[in-house]
Protein backbone atom coordinates (compact mmCIF):
# COMPACT_ATOMS: atom_id res chain seq x y z
CA MET A 1 82.55 117.60 103.83
CA THR A 2 84.63 115.06 105.43
CA THR A 3 84.95 116.16 108.99
CA ALA A 4 87.37 114.08 110.14
CA LEU A 5 90.00 112.45 108.87
CA THR A 6 92.04 110.69 111.14
CA GLY A 7 91.12 108.07 113.61
CA THR A 8 92.87 107.44 117.13
CA SER A 9 92.17 103.82 116.57
CA TYR A 10 90.61 101.05 114.22
CA ASP A 11 87.59 100.95 116.97
CA ASP A 12 87.53 104.43 116.44
CA LEU A 13 87.74 104.72 112.74
CA VAL A 14 84.62 102.45 112.15
CA GLU A 15 82.43 104.60 114.89
CA GLN A 16 83.23 107.54 113.23
CA VAL A 17 82.59 105.88 110.14
CA ARG A 18 79.18 104.93 111.44
CA ALA A 19 78.21 107.86 112.76
CA GLY A 20 78.59 109.43 109.37
CA ALA A 21 81.90 111.61 109.69
CA PHE A 22 82.93 110.74 106.41
CA GLY A 23 79.67 111.60 105.09
CA PRO A 24 77.67 109.07 103.08
CA ASP A 25 75.56 106.74 105.76
CA PRO A 26 77.34 103.21 105.26
CA ALA A 27 72.98 102.39 105.88
CA ALA A 28 72.14 103.41 102.88
CA LEU A 29 75.18 102.11 100.41
CA ARG A 30 75.19 98.39 99.25
CA ILE A 31 77.83 96.12 97.95
CA ALA A 32 77.17 95.01 94.60
CA VAL A 33 79.39 92.43 93.87
CA ALA A 34 81.45 90.20 96.67
CA PHE A 35 84.15 88.03 94.98
CA THR A 36 87.40 86.12 96.12
CA THR A 37 90.78 86.20 94.28
CA ARG A 38 93.08 83.19 95.20
CA GLN A 39 96.85 82.97 93.95
CA ALA A 40 99.72 80.46 94.23
CA VAL A 41 103.30 81.67 93.05
CA ARG A 42 106.09 81.00 92.56
CA HIS A 43 108.63 83.58 91.10
CA GLN A 44 111.17 82.25 88.72
CA GLY A 45 114.38 81.77 90.03
CA ARG A 46 113.20 81.76 93.55
CA GLY A 47 113.05 78.52 95.72
CA THR A 48 109.91 79.10 97.26
CA GLY A 49 106.48 80.01 96.84
CA TYR A 50 102.89 81.12 98.54
CA ARG A 51 99.81 81.50 97.99
CA ASN A 52 96.86 84.50 98.53
CA GLU A 53 93.41 84.44 99.16
CA VAL A 54 91.78 87.55 99.39
CA LEU A 55 88.01 89.05 99.90
CA SER A 56 86.79 91.21 97.77
CA LEU A 57 84.15 93.66 97.83
CA ARG A 58 82.48 96.56 95.56
CA LEU A 59 80.48 100.17 96.37
CA ALA A 60 79.70 101.80 93.14
CA GLY A 61 82.98 102.18 91.74
CA ALA A 62 85.24 101.27 94.62
CA VAL A 63 86.47 97.79 95.66
CA GLY A 64 87.93 97.36 99.05
CA SER A 65 89.82 93.86 100.17
CA CYS A 66 90.93 92.24 103.00
CA ALA A 67 93.52 88.99 102.87
CA VAL A 68 92.87 85.86 104.28
CA GLU A 69 94.20 82.66 105.35
CA PRO A 70 94.07 80.14 102.59
CA GLY A 71 90.81 78.01 103.20
CA HIS A 72 89.72 79.65 106.13
CA LEU A 73 86.92 82.06 104.31
CA PRO A 74 83.49 79.93 104.33
CA ASP A 75 82.18 79.84 100.86
CA THR A 76 78.84 81.59 102.32
CA ALA A 77 80.76 84.74 103.43
CA VAL A 78 80.75 86.03 99.93
CA GLU A 79 76.70 85.14 99.17
CA GLU A 80 76.23 87.18 102.78
CA CYS A 81 78.07 90.47 101.03
CA VAL A 82 76.11 90.72 98.43
CA GLY A 83 73.53 92.97 98.21
CA ALA A 84 74.31 93.82 102.45
CA ASP A 85 74.43 97.80 103.38
CA VAL A 86 78.15 98.84 104.56
CA ALA A 87 77.03 99.07 108.58
CA ARG A 88 75.29 96.07 108.78
CA LEU A 89 79.35 94.47 107.00
CA LEU A 90 80.39 96.45 109.78
CA GLU A 91 79.04 94.36 112.20
CA HIS A 92 79.32 91.03 110.51
CA PRO A 93 81.18 88.18 112.57
CA LEU A 94 83.91 87.71 110.51
CA PRO A 95 87.13 89.94 110.68
CA PRO A 96 87.97 89.86 107.48
CA VAL A 97 84.27 90.72 106.13
CA ARG A 98 84.19 93.79 108.61
CA VAL A 99 87.91 95.15 107.51
CA ALA A 100 87.11 94.71 103.83
CA ALA A 101 83.60 96.64 103.87
CA LEU A 102 85.43 99.56 105.88
CA ASP A 103 88.17 99.46 103.04
CA ALA A 104 85.21 99.01 100.57
CA TYR A 105 83.02 102.44 102.29
CA LEU A 106 86.73 104.15 102.34
CA MET A 107 87.75 104.07 98.95
CA HIS A 108 84.63 105.58 97.46
CA VAL A 109 84.51 108.74 99.82
CA LEU A 110 88.36 109.03 99.60
CA PRO A 111 89.99 107.36 96.96
CA HIS A 112 93.56 107.22 96.31
CA THR A 113 93.91 110.87 94.79
CA PRO A 114 96.57 113.74 95.34
CA ASP A 115 93.40 115.73 96.89
CA HIS A 116 94.00 112.93 99.78
CA GLY A 117 97.40 112.30 100.48
CA ALA A 118 98.41 109.98 97.59
CA THR A 119 101.52 110.35 95.19
CA PRO A 120 100.80 107.84 92.56
CA VAL A 121 104.06 105.74 91.83
CA PRO A 122 103.87 103.27 88.35
CA LEU A 123 104.97 100.32 88.07
CA PRO A 124 106.37 98.69 85.23
CA ALA A 125 105.36 95.93 83.00
CA GLY A 126 107.26 92.82 83.72
CA SER A 127 107.11 89.18 85.37
CA SER A 128 105.75 88.65 88.54
CA LEU A 129 109.26 89.01 90.10
CA GLU A 130 109.87 92.14 88.49
CA LYS A 131 106.68 93.82 89.16
CA SER A 132 107.07 92.67 92.83
CA ARG A 133 110.71 94.23 92.71
CA ALA A 134 109.38 97.09 91.28
CA ARG A 135 106.80 97.38 94.03
CA ALA A 136 108.61 96.82 96.87
CA LYS A 137 111.41 99.24 96.08
CA ALA A 138 108.48 101.80 96.53
CA VAL A 139 107.83 100.45 99.88
CA ALA A 140 110.93 99.99 101.16
CA ALA A 141 111.85 104.13 100.00
CA LEU A 142 109.25 104.53 102.76
CA LEU A 143 111.47 104.00 105.10
CA ASP A 144 113.70 106.81 106.28
CA LEU A 145 116.54 105.34 108.17
CA PRO A 146 120.51 104.76 107.94
CA PRO A 147 122.46 101.74 107.03
CA GLY A 148 122.76 99.20 109.58
CA ALA A 149 119.20 100.37 111.28
CA THR A 150 117.39 97.32 112.24
CA VAL A 151 113.53 96.73 110.50
CA LEU A 152 110.83 94.33 111.63
CA VAL A 153 108.83 93.34 108.95
CA VAL A 154 105.53 91.84 109.05
CA GLY A 155 104.28 89.50 106.49
CA VAL A 156 107.40 88.15 104.75
CA VAL A 157 107.84 89.28 101.43
CA ASN A 158 110.92 88.02 99.97
CA SER A 159 111.48 90.99 97.29
CA LEU A 160 110.88 93.54 100.25
CA LEU A 161 113.98 91.84 102.29
CA GLU A 162 116.17 92.20 99.03
CA ALA A 163 115.39 95.67 99.09
CA LEU A 164 116.27 95.99 102.70
CA ARG A 165 119.19 94.14 102.38
CA SER A 166 120.29 96.74 99.16
CA ARG A 167 120.21 99.70 101.55
CA GLY A 168 122.42 97.75 104.10
CA LEU A 169 119.31 97.48 106.57
CA ARG A 170 119.15 94.16 108.95
CA TYR A 171 115.61 92.98 109.68
CA LEU A 172 113.83 90.69 111.60
CA PRO A 173 111.11 88.83 109.37
CA CYS A 174 107.86 87.93 111.20
CA ASP A 175 104.38 86.21 110.29
CA LEU A 176 101.76 83.97 112.12
CA LYS A 177 102.67 81.30 110.63
CA GLY A 178 106.51 80.97 110.96
CA GLY A 179 108.63 79.03 108.87
CA ALA A 180 111.63 80.32 106.94
CA THR A 181 112.55 83.26 104.20
CA GLU A 182 113.74 82.00 100.90
CA TRP A 183 117.42 82.42 102.80
CA GLY A 184 116.80 79.96 105.21
CA GLU A 185 116.20 83.04 107.58
CA PRO A 186 114.08 81.80 110.79
CA VAL A 187 110.63 83.69 110.42
CA LEU A 188 109.78 84.74 114.21
CA PRO A 189 105.74 84.36 114.61
CA ASP A 190 105.60 87.08 117.68
CA ALA A 191 105.94 89.92 115.75
CA LEU A 192 104.83 92.59 119.17
CA ALA A 193 107.40 90.41 121.28
CA ALA A 194 110.31 91.48 118.37
CA ALA A 195 109.43 94.70 118.25
CA GLY A 196 111.75 95.97 120.98
CA ARG A 197 114.46 94.80 119.28
CA CYS A 198 113.84 96.92 115.83
CA ASP A 199 114.12 100.30 115.13
CA ALA A 200 111.71 101.03 112.57
CA LEU A 201 108.03 98.83 111.57
CA LEU A 202 107.47 97.63 108.33
CA VAL A 203 104.32 95.92 108.47
CA SER A 204 101.26 94.01 105.81
CA GLY A 205 97.81 95.38 105.60
CA MET A 206 96.93 91.53 106.40
CA THR A 207 97.28 92.65 110.19
CA LEU A 208 94.06 94.31 109.80
CA GLY A 209 92.10 91.50 109.31
CA ASN A 210 94.05 88.97 112.18
CA GLY A 211 93.76 91.61 114.82
CA THR A 212 97.49 91.97 115.00
CA PHE A 213 97.60 96.12 113.50
CA GLU A 214 96.50 97.67 116.84
CA PRO A 215 99.47 96.53 118.77
CA LEU A 216 101.78 97.09 116.75
CA ARG A 217 100.64 101.05 115.83
CA ARG A 218 100.42 101.48 119.87
CA HIS A 219 104.21 100.13 120.41
CA ALA A 220 104.85 102.48 117.31
CA LEU A 221 103.37 105.59 118.45
CA THR A 222 104.27 104.83 122.27
CA HIS A 223 108.07 104.73 121.38
CA GLY A 224 108.63 106.93 118.23
CA LYS A 225 109.26 104.50 116.22
CA GLN A 226 108.35 104.48 112.44
CA LEU A 227 105.70 102.34 111.27
CA VAL A 228 105.41 102.10 106.90
CA MET A 229 102.21 99.66 106.18
CA PHE A 230 102.24 98.23 102.91
CA ALA A 231 98.60 97.73 102.25
CA GLN A 232 96.68 95.61 99.85
CA THR A 233 94.65 94.73 102.88
CA GLY A 234 92.82 97.97 104.10
CA SER A 235 94.54 100.04 101.18
CA ALA A 236 92.33 102.86 102.06
CA VAL A 237 91.82 102.16 105.76
CA LEU A 238 95.81 102.74 107.08
CA PRO A 239 96.24 105.94 105.51
CA ARG A 240 93.28 106.87 108.06
CA PHE A 241 95.93 106.48 110.61
CA LEU A 242 98.65 108.88 109.96
CA GLY A 243 100.30 110.90 112.06
CA GLN A 244 98.75 107.68 114.99
CA GLY A 245 101.34 105.92 114.79
CA VAL A 246 101.59 105.24 110.82
CA SER A 247 103.87 106.66 109.02
CA ALA A 248 103.35 106.27 105.90
CA VAL A 249 101.19 104.19 103.80
CA CYS A 250 102.02 102.45 100.34
CA ALA A 251 98.83 101.79 99.19
CA GLU A 252 97.73 98.82 96.49
CA PRO A 253 93.90 98.54 96.00
CA TYR A 254 92.64 96.06 93.64
CA PRO A 255 93.81 94.61 91.01
CA PHE A 256 96.71 93.83 92.54
CA PHE A 257 100.36 93.84 90.90
CA TRP A 258 100.31 89.84 90.97
CA LEU A 259 97.20 89.32 88.62
CA ASP A 260 98.94 90.66 85.09
CA GLY A 261 102.02 91.82 83.51
CA GLY A 262 100.88 94.83 82.45
CA PRO A 263 101.51 98.16 83.46
CA GLY A 264 100.09 99.03 87.14
CA VAL A 265 100.05 101.75 90.04
CA VAL A 266 100.36 101.71 93.70
CA HIS A 267 99.76 104.96 96.16
CA ARG A 268 101.92 106.24 98.39
CA TYR A 269 101.26 108.39 101.47
CA ASP A 270 103.70 110.21 103.90
CA GLY A 271 101.57 112.48 105.98
CA SER A 272 102.76 115.09 104.13
CA GLY A 273 99.67 115.52 101.46
CA PRO A 274 95.78 116.71 102.49
CA GLY A 275 94.33 115.38 105.34
CA GLY A 276 97.67 112.99 106.07
CA GLY A 277 98.01 113.60 109.67
CA ARG A 278 100.55 116.14 109.87
């Protein structure tokens, strides 16, 4: 029986897991499979592309994931994870390993089902761009904002920016790498510095792995702003912060939409379901 469904901070959530508050002892659960997924994409009709690299850990029937900057994950990380117990990986020196282990554990004990507050949203089969736009529509629908409001977008996904513009919303695109959007708009490297200029936050789960999630969560909680997470990284972790600064989550566990052209599914949490935090 789960005795705690939310965390007041990322560190608090990890401590709850270590203490067995969510059920199984993480020291008794071992990772069977570890793997990385590397992708490069340029959607048809788009002038720019991007790369992804994701570390994934399989625990029984669950897969937990954490995206990393391409080329930054040592080859030894996968070997170190295989056969290791979750408790040990929660203390691993590499943040992506720790996040993927936490995600795998929580996916194992709290899968994305209606009983745990998730609403499945089907993604149709189609091209990479068609599926990207379908996912973006599912994510953007979680923002409850009037036209003209400004959204801080952390982790630039051009389809998400399109979806926001279609609703008459303004945005400030942010990413640690900087650069520019598909339409030449400057991408800001410091999201927290820009957060005060925005009415709501739309944030990638990658922030869990690079350490920028907690400051953004605290900003949203302190200022009463909506914080919507779109999560391939930590898809089972982020719903645990509903009511603690996070207002909604679009969770997308492995396999991700960009892996094939067939139908898929994402899982939306708006905080109103069981264990939703409000």
